[in-house]
């Protein structure tokens, strides 16, 4: 079976990379200001935050004028995630 050819992945916008780096470098401050929320960063500043990822992405794209905006989920505290396939009632 022949391997499928894919187009090359375009390079990341350096603004996106800088904003992701800034978000993680400032994670503690973001967690204090926006606990357990999605946070969008453009040019080193928070432009949108909230619990609904779609709303945050829409607002961030509107403010930035582009789609490739850095968005991270900022957790505060300890979270335990589970799935119904695991646990005491799984088969």
Protein backbone atom coordinates (compact mmCIF):
# COMPACT_ATOMS: atom_id res chain seq x y z
CA UNK A 1 0.00 0.00 0.00
CA UNK A 2 1.45 3.36 -1.04
CA UNK A 3 1.85 6.05 1.57
CA UNK A 4 -0.46 9.01 1.22
CA UNK A 5 1.19 12.32 0.38
CA UNK A 6 0.30 15.24 2.62
CA UNK A 7 1.06 18.90 2.02
CA UNK A 8 3.73 20.38 4.26
CA UNK A 9 2.60 21.90 7.54
CA UNK A 10 2.84 25.69 7.35
CA UNK A 11 5.20 27.33 9.82
CA UNK A 12 3.76 28.72 13.04
CA UNK A 13 3.26 32.45 13.24
CA UNK A 14 5.99 33.82 15.55
CA UNK A 15 3.35 35.95 17.31
CA UNK A 16 1.49 32.77 18.30
CA UNK A 17 4.69 31.19 19.66
CA UNK A 18 5.58 34.35 21.64
CA UNK A 19 2.09 34.52 23.14
CA UNK A 20 2.10 30.85 24.16
CA UNK A 21 5.51 31.36 25.79
CA UNK A 22 4.22 34.48 27.58
CA UNK A 23 1.11 32.65 28.82
CA UNK A 24 3.13 29.83 30.37
CA UNK A 25 5.74 32.22 31.79
CA UNK A 26 2.89 34.10 33.50
CA UNK A 27 0.83 31.03 34.40
CA UNK A 28 0.63 31.73 38.15
CA UNK A 29 -0.69 35.26 37.62
CA UNK A 30 -3.18 33.95 35.05
CA UNK A 31 -4.34 31.24 37.48
CA UNK A 32 -4.93 33.85 40.17
CA UNK A 33 -6.87 36.15 37.83
CA UNK A 34 -8.69 33.52 35.70
CA UNK A 35 -8.87 30.24 37.67
CA UNK A 36 -10.14 27.23 35.73
CA UNK A 37 -10.83 29.24 32.59
CA UNK A 38 -9.72 29.36 28.98
CA UNK A 39 -7.43 32.36 28.48
CA UNK A 40 -6.55 33.96 25.12
CA UNK A 41 -3.36 35.99 24.81
CA UNK A 42 -2.52 38.43 22.02
CA UNK A 43 0.69 40.48 22.04
CA UNK A 44 1.41 39.55 25.64
CA UNK A 45 -1.95 40.55 27.08
CA UNK A 46 -5.14 38.72 27.94
CA UNK A 47 -7.86 39.59 25.43
CA UNK A 48 -10.51 37.05 26.45
CA UNK A 49 -11.14 34.59 29.27
CA UNK A 50 -14.02 32.36 30.28
CA UNK A 51 -15.31 28.83 30.77
CA UNK A 52 -16.60 28.43 27.20
CA UNK A 53 -13.74 27.74 24.79
CA UNK A 54 -15.79 28.71 21.73
CA UNK A 55 -16.69 32.10 23.17
CA UNK A 56 -13.07 32.79 24.14
CA UNK A 57 -11.77 31.81 20.69
CA UNK A 58 -14.41 33.92 18.93
CA UNK A 59 -13.65 37.01 21.01
CA UNK A 60 -9.89 36.52 20.69
CA UNK A 61 -10.12 36.20 16.88
CA UNK A 62 -12.26 39.34 16.74
CA UNK A 63 -9.77 41.34 18.83
CA UNK A 64 -6.67 39.98 17.07
CA UNK A 65 -8.05 40.04 13.54
CA UNK A 66 -6.69 36.53 12.97
CA UNK A 67 -7.56 32.95 13.90
CA UNK A 68 -4.20 31.73 15.20
CA UNK A 69 -4.45 33.10 18.73
CA UNK A 70 -2.79 31.49 21.75
CA UNK A 71 -5.46 29.97 24.01
CA UNK A 72 -4.64 27.85 27.06
CA UNK A 73 -6.70 26.35 29.86
CA UNK A 74 -5.50 27.71 33.20
CA UNK A 75 -6.09 25.24 36.00
CA UNK A 76 -5.97 26.28 39.62
CA UNK A 77 -5.89 23.66 42.32
CA UNK A 78 -6.00 19.92 41.98
CA UNK A 79 -8.40 18.35 39.51
CA UNK A 80 -9.22 14.67 39.20
CA UNK A 81 -10.66 13.63 35.87
CA UNK A 82 -12.47 10.38 35.37
CA UNK A 83 -14.31 8.46 32.72
CA UNK A 84 -17.25 6.11 33.06
CA UNK A 85 -15.21 3.34 31.41
CA UNK A 86 -12.94 3.30 34.48
CA UNK A 87 -13.88 3.04 38.09
CA UNK A 88 -15.99 0.86 40.37
CA UNK A 89 -18.88 0.39 37.92
CA UNK A 90 -16.88 -0.33 34.78
CA UNK A 91 -17.12 -3.70 33.07
